[in-house]
Amino acid sequence: MHRGYNASATRTTARRMCSISAIATASLTTMCPVSASAQMSIDNSTPANEKVSPHYTQEDSRFTQTNTDGKPRNTTGWFNLTQASIDDNLVTDRPDFTESTEAIPVNRFQLEMGYTFTYDREGDRRTRDHTAPELLLRMGVVENFELRFGWTGYSMTETLSTQRNSERRRVTSEEWNQGANDFELGFKLKIAEQSGLRPALAILGAATFPTGSANISAGDVEPLLGLLWAYDLSDDIALAGQFIVGTPVEDGRRFVQSAASLSLGASLTERLGTYVEYFGTYPNTLDGDSAHSINGGFTYLVNNNLQIDIRAGFGLNDAADDFFTGAGLAWRF
């Protein structure tokens, strides 16, 4: 789920449930690491007959090197497992709220990052927030299993409040709040491929730890667990979604919160993809209402290992942020 779509309480909640969102999450392509010797043998160009699309299931091809006798040999990595090729399409967990069901290939890394601007207005109170770099490092450990290290980054929030003074004149006061967000550790496990009417399935688990600034941090561990799904409707169109349950902390009090999303993604060209998505948190804050939002965006595959993205969205009710937008990238190595 990606990371940081909402401001103030809404923004913080979205980050926790997204894993960073977060994001987020209906992403349209991906990236991973490779050794220097292996890099020389890999073609980073995108095959002309392959299109970019969110949450598409990719076959796990294997990278081979050639011995001095000309026969191919497997490259092995951690735990003596075969390294997967990185010449297939990227599948990222950004820029949308929905996370993909795909795990990073064995012994590969994928770094995803971005920036989000959020605006919200409630009566005479206006809030603008800037958050970056929304880091998510994904590491393939064994087949269909990845470790995830997330940090939403640094947030700067400006709040403008307009009131009337004793002379009935409107006076605007400004307040700034800034600091570092909590660090997150998690995992993703793909448990099923798409088969017939059954979608591809994965389990996402994560927890944030109180490592951020005192004015930003939740002050306690916040765990979450989710079920991710994806279904290819055709070679160019896919549906994806997730359902997540977490126990965030607000004002020292823990409560149960759920989040869900539904995303429709499509390939427009071999490199350009797009998506539209609904996501919500229920409830959005400890004593608040549920928040419902819709967003959409585009991704562009620069090469097989580098993707850039943009997105924008708006809230559907008062509990959600009025508007948010952002951009980012994903790099596989």
Protein backbone atom coordinates (compact mmCIF):
# COMPACT_ATOMS: atom_id res chain seq x y z
CA MET A 1 0.00 0.00 0.00
CA HIS A 2 1.67 3.05 -0.52
CA ARG A 3 2.43 5.58 1.34
CA GLY A 4 1.13 8.91 2.50
CA TYR A 5 -1.98 9.89 0.58
CA ASN A 6 -3.71 11.74 3.44
CA ALA A 7 -2.99 14.66 5.72
CA SER A 8 -3.14 15.10 9.51
CA ALA A 9 -4.95 12.13 11.05
CA THR A 10 -6.18 10.95 7.67
CA ARG A 11 -2.69 11.06 6.18
CA THR A 12 -1.09 9.28 9.14
CA THR A 13 -3.71 6.54 9.12
CA ALA A 14 -3.33 5.96 5.39
CA ARG A 15 0.42 5.56 5.77
CA ARG A 16 0.01 2.95 8.50
CA MET A 17 -2.58 0.91 6.63
CA CYS A 18 -0.72 1.19 3.32
CA SER A 19 2.66 0.12 4.40
CA ILE A 20 4.00 2.46 2.89
CA SER A 21 0.53 3.40 1.80
CA ALA A 22 1.04 4.63 1.58
CA ILE A 23 1.15 4.68 -0.62
CA ALA A 24 -0.90 3.55 -2.48
CA THR A 25 -0.73 1.18 -3.50
CA ALA A 26 -2.82 -1.17 -8.72
CA SER A 27 0.83 -0.23 -9.34
CA LEU A 28 1.83 -0.51 -12.89
CA THR A 29 5.34 -2.03 -13.14
CA THR A 30 8.64 -2.91 -11.01
CA MET A 31 12.50 -3.12 -10.31
CA CYS A 32 15.43 -5.25 -8.61
CA PRO A 33 19.29 -5.50 -7.85
CA VAL A 34 22.00 -7.37 -9.64
CA SER A 35 25.71 -8.02 -9.24
CA ALA A 36 28.22 -6.20 -11.44
CA SER A 37 29.13 -9.36 -13.34
CA ALA A 38 25.51 -10.23 -13.93
CA GLN A 39 24.66 -6.72 -15.07
CA MET A 40 26.88 -7.10 -18.13
CA SER A 41 24.70 -9.95 -19.37
CA ILE A 42 21.31 -8.33 -18.93
CA ASP A 43 19.43 -6.38 -21.58
CA ASN A 44 17.56 -3.58 -19.83
CA SER A 45 15.42 -2.67 -22.82
CA THR A 46 11.71 -3.46 -22.75
CA PRO A 47 10.65 -6.15 -25.26
CA ALA A 48 8.43 -4.63 -27.93
CA ASN A 49 5.67 -7.18 -27.40
CA GLU A 50 5.41 -6.67 -23.63
CA LYS A 51 3.04 -4.07 -22.18
CA VAL A 52 3.09 -2.36 -18.81
CA SER A 53 0.15 -3.04 -16.54
CA PRO A 54 -0.55 -2.98 -12.82
CA HIS A 55 -0.41 -6.17 -10.77
CA TYR A 56 0.15 -8.39 -13.77
CA THR A 57 1.50 -11.82 -12.91
CA GLN A 58 4.97 -12.32 -14.40
CA GLU A 59 6.59 -15.69 -14.97
CA ASP A 60 9.73 -16.23 -12.88
CA SER A 61 12.48 -16.62 -15.43
CA ARG A 62 16.02 -17.52 -14.31
CA PHE A 63 19.26 -15.76 -15.05
CA THR A 64 22.12 -17.86 -16.38
CA GLN A 65 25.82 -17.26 -16.98
CA THR A 66 28.09 -19.17 -19.32
CA ASN A 67 31.01 -21.34 -18.21
CA THR A 68 34.31 -21.34 -20.09
CA ASP A 69 33.08 -24.39 -22.00
CA GLY A 70 30.10 -22.40 -23.29
CA LYS A 71 27.49 -24.24 -21.23
CA PRO A 72 25.07 -22.12 -19.18
CA ARG A 73 25.28 -22.19 -15.41
CA ASN A 74 22.91 -20.83 -12.77
CA THR A 75 23.85 -17.86 -10.64
CA THR A 76 23.22 -18.51 -6.95
CA GLY A 77 22.58 -16.00 -4.20
CA TRP A 78 21.46 -16.05 -0.57
CA PHE A 79 20.77 -19.50 0.90
CA ASN A 80 22.35 -20.98 -2.28
CA LEU A 81 19.11 -20.22 -4.17
CA THR A 82 19.06 -19.41 -7.87
CA GLN A 83 18.85 -15.71 -8.68
CA ALA A 84 15.90 -14.69 -10.80
CA SER A 85 16.33 -12.70 -13.97
CA ILE A 86 15.67 -8.98 -13.90
CA ASP A 87 14.91 -8.67 -17.59
CA ASP A 88 11.15 -9.14 -17.04
CA ASN A 89 8.62 -6.33 -16.45
CA LEU A 90 8.54 -4.39 -13.20
CA VAL A 91 5.67 -4.84 -10.74
CA THR A 92 5.71 -2.10 -8.10
CA ASP A 93 3.69 -1.25 -5.00
CA ARG A 94 3.31 2.40 -6.01
CA PRO A 95 1.84 4.85 -6.86
CA ASP A 96 -1.55 3.62 -5.66
CA PHE A 97 -2.89 2.51 -2.29
CA THR A 98 -3.25 -1.13 -3.41
CA GLU A 99 -0.23 -3.43 -3.08
CA SER A 100 0.63 -5.93 -5.80
CA THR A 101 0.48 -9.68 -5.10
CA GLU A 102 3.97 -10.19 -6.58
CA ALA A 103 7.04 -10.67 -4.37
CA ILE A 104 10.53 -9.54 -5.38
CA PRO A 105 12.59 -12.32 -7.05
CA VAL A 106 15.18 -14.16 -4.95
CA ASN A 107 18.34 -12.19 -4.13
CA ARG A 108 17.04 -8.98 -5.72
CA PHE A 109 16.20 -5.55 -4.33
CA GLN A 110 13.63 -2.96 -5.31
CA LEU A 111 13.66 0.62 -4.01
CA GLU A 112 10.48 2.70 -4.30
CA MET A 113 10.21 6.34 -3.28
CA GLY A 114 8.18 9.48 -3.86
CA TYR A 115 6.71 12.78 -2.72
CA THR A 116 3.11 13.61 -1.73
CA PHE A 117 1.35 16.95 -1.32
CA THR A 118 -1.96 16.94 0.57
CA TYR A 119 -4.57 19.67 1.04
CA ASP A 120 -7.58 19.63 3.34
CA ARG A 121 -10.07 22.28 4.44
CA GLU A 122 -12.51 22.04 7.31
CA GLY A 123 -14.44 25.23 7.95
CA ASP A 124 -11.94 28.04 8.55
CA ARG A 125 -9.02 25.62 8.98
CA ARG A 126 -6.78 24.76 6.00
CA THR A 127 -3.99 22.20 6.09
CA ARG A 128 -1.17 21.66 3.59
CA ASP A 129 1.28 18.80 3.99
CA HIS A 130 4.50 17.83 2.19
CA THR A 131 5.91 14.33 2.74
CA ALA A 132 9.04 12.70 1.27
CA PRO A 133 10.89 10.50 0.43
CA GLU A 134 8.31 7.71 1.15
CA LEU A 135 10.95 4.99 1.02
CA LEU A 136 10.14 1.30 0.59
CA LEU A 137 13.00 -1.20 0.17
CA ARG A 138 11.84 -4.68 -0.89
CA MET A 139 14.20 -7.68 -0.72
CA GLY A 140 13.56 -11.12 -2.22
CA VAL A 141 14.56 -13.75 0.34
CA VAL A 142 13.07 -17.01 -0.97
CA GLU A 143 10.68 -17.72 -3.82
CA ASN A 144 7.38 -15.81 -3.41
CA PHE A 145 8.56 -14.17 -0.16
CA GLU A 146 10.01 -10.71 0.41
CA LEU A 147 11.10 -8.58 3.35
CA ARG A 148 10.04 -4.93 3.38
CA PHE A 149 11.70 -1.94 5.04
CA GLY A 150 9.63 1.24 4.95
CA TRP A 151 10.00 4.84 6.05
CA THR A 152 7.42 7.41 5.01
CA GLY A 153 10.07 10.04 5.61
CA TYR A 154 9.86 13.63 6.78
CA SER A 155 6.56 15.54 6.96
CA MET A 156 6.06 19.32 6.99
CA THR A 157 2.51 20.43 7.76
CA GLU A 158 1.22 24.00 7.54
CA THR A 159 -2.09 24.83 9.22
CA LEU A 160 -3.87 28.14 8.55
CA SER A 161 -6.75 29.09 10.86
CA THR A 162 -8.98 32.08 10.23
CA GLN A 163 -10.93 33.69 13.09
CA ARG A 164 -12.55 37.05 13.88
CA ASN A 165 -10.89 39.26 16.46
CA SER A 166 -12.62 41.54 18.96
CA GLU A 167 -13.10 44.11 16.22
CA ARG A 168 -14.81 41.51 14.03
CA ARG A 169 -11.94 41.49 11.56
CA ARG A 170 -10.83 38.20 10.06
CA VAL A 171 -7.35 37.24 11.26
CA THR A 172 -5.38 34.28 9.93
CA SER A 173 -2.87 32.47 12.13
CA GLU A 174 -0.21 30.08 10.82
CA GLU A 175 1.19 26.98 12.53
CA TRP A 176 3.93 24.62 11.33
CA ASN A 177 4.44 21.04 12.46
CA GLN A 178 7.27 18.93 11.10
CA GLY A 179 9.23 15.80 11.92
CA ALA A 180 10.23 12.27 11.00
CA ASN A 181 7.75 9.41 10.69
CA ASP A 182 8.08 5.96 12.24
CA PHE A 183 10.08 3.13 10.64
CA GLU A 184 8.22 0.07 9.33
CA LEU A 185 9.27 -3.57 8.95
CA GLY A 186 7.13 -6.09 7.07
CA PHE A 187 6.84 -9.00 4.68
CA LYS A 188 4.84 -10.18 1.68
CA LEU A 189 4.09 -13.82 0.87
CA LYS A 190 2.45 -14.83 -2.39
CA ILE A 191 0.23 -17.84 -1.69
CA ALA A 192 -1.58 -18.50 -4.99
CA GLU A 193 -1.38 -17.79 -8.72
CA GLN A 194 -4.46 -16.82 -10.71
CA SER A 195 -6.36 -19.94 -11.76
CA GLY A 196 -9.80 -19.94 -13.38
CA LEU A 197 -12.03 -17.61 -11.36
CA ARG A 198 -9.60 -17.54 -8.43
CA PRO A 199 -7.39 -14.42 -8.35
CA ALA A 200 -3.72 -14.33 -7.45
CA LEU A 201 -3.42 -14.03 -3.65
CA ALA A 202 -0.80 -12.76 -1.21
CA ILE A 203 -0.50 -12.01 2.51
CA LEU A 204 0.99 -8.75 3.75
CA GLY A 205 2.19 -8.25 7.32
CA ALA A 206 3.90 -5.20 8.80
CA ALA A 207 4.47 -3.18 11.95
CA THR A 208 5.64 0.38 12.56
CA PHE A 209 8.00 1.08 15.45
CA PRO A 210 8.18 4.32 17.52
CA THR A 211 11.35 5.70 15.93
CA GLY A 212 10.02 9.02 14.61
CA SER A 213 9.88 12.52 16.06
CA ALA A 214 7.91 12.91 19.29
CA ASN A 215 5.30 15.14 17.61
CA ILE A 216 4.81 12.68 14.71
CA SER A 217 5.43 9.19 16.09
CA ALA A 218 2.56 7.02 17.31
CA GLY A 219 4.65 6.26 20.39
CA ASP A 220 3.97 2.53 20.20
CA VAL A 221 4.19 -0.48 17.88
CA GLU A 222 1.37 -0.57 15.30
CA PRO A 223 0.87 -3.98 13.61
CA LEU A 224 -1.27 -4.76 10.57
CA LEU A 225 -2.16 -7.83 8.50
CA GLY A 226 -3.75 -7.90 5.06
CA LEU A 227 -4.95 -10.05 2.17
CA LEU A 228 -4.02 -8.90 -1.35
CA TRP A 229 -5.59 -10.10 -4.61
CA ALA A 230 -5.20 -9.47 -8.33
CA TYR A 231 -7.04 -10.73 -11.40
CA ASP A 232 -6.03 -10.26 -15.04
CA LEU A 233 -9.13 -9.53 -17.12
CA SER A 234 -7.10 -9.52 -20.35
CA ASP A 235 -3.53 -8.99 -21.53
CA ASP A 236 -3.97 -5.24 -20.99
CA ILE A 237 -6.46 -4.83 -18.13
CA ALA A 238 -6.34 -6.04 -14.53
CA LEU A 239 -8.33 -5.69 -11.30
CA ALA A 240 -6.67 -5.66 -7.88
CA GLY A 241 -7.60 -4.97 -4.30
CA GLN A 242 -6.84 -5.60 -0.66
CA PHE A 243 -8.34 -5.81 2.80
CA ILE A 244 -6.20 -4.88 5.79
CA VAL A 245 -6.78 -4.84 9.54
CA GLY A 246 -4.51 -2.95 11.93
CA THR A 247 -4.40 -1.63 15.48
CA PRO A 248 -3.05 1.95 15.34
CA VAL A 249 -2.51 4.16 18.38
CA GLU A 250 -3.97 7.66 18.74
CA ASP A 251 -3.49 9.86 21.81
CA GLY A 252 -2.14 6.84 23.67
CA ARG A 253 -5.25 4.73 22.92
CA ARG A 254 -5.21 1.69 20.64
CA PHE A 255 -8.17 0.88 18.37
CA VAL A 256 -9.03 -1.52 15.56
CA GLN A 257 -9.01 -0.07 12.06
CA SER A 258 -9.60 -1.69 8.67
CA ALA A 259 -8.82 -0.51 5.16
CA ALA A 260 -9.86 -1.71 1.71
CA SER A 261 -9.26 -0.77 -1.91
CA LEU A 262 -10.28 -1.66 -5.45
CA SER A 263 -8.11 -0.72 -8.42
CA LEU A 264 -8.49 -1.02 -12.19
CA GLY A 265 -5.25 -0.79 -14.18
CA ALA A 266 -4.57 -0.83 -17.90
CA SER A 267 -1.67 -0.78 -20.36
CA LEU A 268 -1.90 2.11 -22.83
CA THR A 269 1.35 1.34 -24.67
CA GLU A 270 4.37 -0.90 -24.16
CA ARG A 271 5.71 1.59 -21.58
CA LEU A 272 2.77 3.71 -20.42
CA GLY A 273 0.17 2.46 -17.94
CA THR A 274 -2.71 4.01 -16.03
CA TYR A 275 -5.06 3.19 -13.15
CA VAL A 276 -8.09 4.43 -11.25
CA GLU A 277 -8.76 3.36 -7.67
CA TYR A 278 -11.04 3.64 -4.65
CA PHE A 279 -9.66 3.22 -1.13
CA GLY A 280 -11.01 3.80 2.35
CA THR A 281 -10.18 3.46 6.05
CA TYR A 282 -12.83 2.42 8.58
CA PRO A 283 -12.77 4.38 10.84
CA ASN A 284 -10.26 7.00 9.81
CA THR A 285 -9.45 8.13 13.36
CA LEU A 286 -10.17 6.89 16.87
CA ASP A 287 -13.39 8.85 17.31
CA GLY A 288 -13.94 9.83 13.68
CA ASP A 289 -15.88 8.62 10.68
CA SER A 290 -14.67 6.41 7.86
CA ALA A 291 -12.74 8.12 5.06
CA HIS A 292 -13.39 7.39 1.38
CA SER A 293 -11.13 8.53 -1.46
CA ILE A 294 -10.62 8.03 -5.17
CA ASN A 295 -7.43 8.54 -7.16
CA GLY A 296 -5.76 7.80 -10.47
CA GLY A 297 -2.42 8.14 -12.15
CA PHE A 298 0.09 7.09 -14.76
CA THR A 299 3.32 5.11 -14.78
CA TYR A 300 6.07 5.18 -17.39
CA LEU A 301 8.58 2.36 -17.77
CA VAL A 302 11.90 4.02 -18.61
CA ASN A 303 13.50 0.57 -18.91
CA ASN A 304 12.95 -2.85 -17.36
CA ASN A 305 14.44 -1.67 -14.07
CA LEU A 306 13.27 1.93 -13.73
CA GLN A 307 9.71 3.30 -13.54
CA ILE A 308 8.43 6.82 -12.84
CA ASP A 309 4.89 7.72 -11.80
CA ILE A 310 2.44 10.53 -11.07
CA ARG A 311 -0.92 10.44 -9.30
CA ALA A 312 -3.71 12.65 -7.98
CA GLY A 313 -6.91 12.09 -6.05
CA PHE A 314 -9.62 13.59 -3.86
CA GLY A 315 -11.78 12.72 -0.90
CA LEU A 316 -15.37 11.57 -1.23
CA ASN A 317 -16.49 12.70 2.24
CA ASP A 318 -15.53 15.18 4.98
CA ALA A 319 -13.34 12.69 6.86
CA ALA A 320 -11.03 12.27 3.85
CA ASP A 321 -8.53 14.83 2.56
CA ASP A 322 -9.89 17.17 -0.08
CA PHE A 323 -7.01 16.71 -2.54
CA PHE A 324 -3.65 14.95 -2.83
CA THR A 325 -1.06 14.52 -5.56
CA GLY A 326 2.44 13.22 -5.92
CA ALA A 327 5.17 11.64 -8.01
CA GLY A 328 7.78 8.99 -7.53
CA LEU A 329 9.92 6.24 -8.97
CA ALA A 330 10.84 2.60 -8.52
CA TRP A 331 14.28 1.14 -9.18
CA ARG A 332 15.14 -2.54 -9.36
CA PHE A 333 18.75 -3.65 -8.87
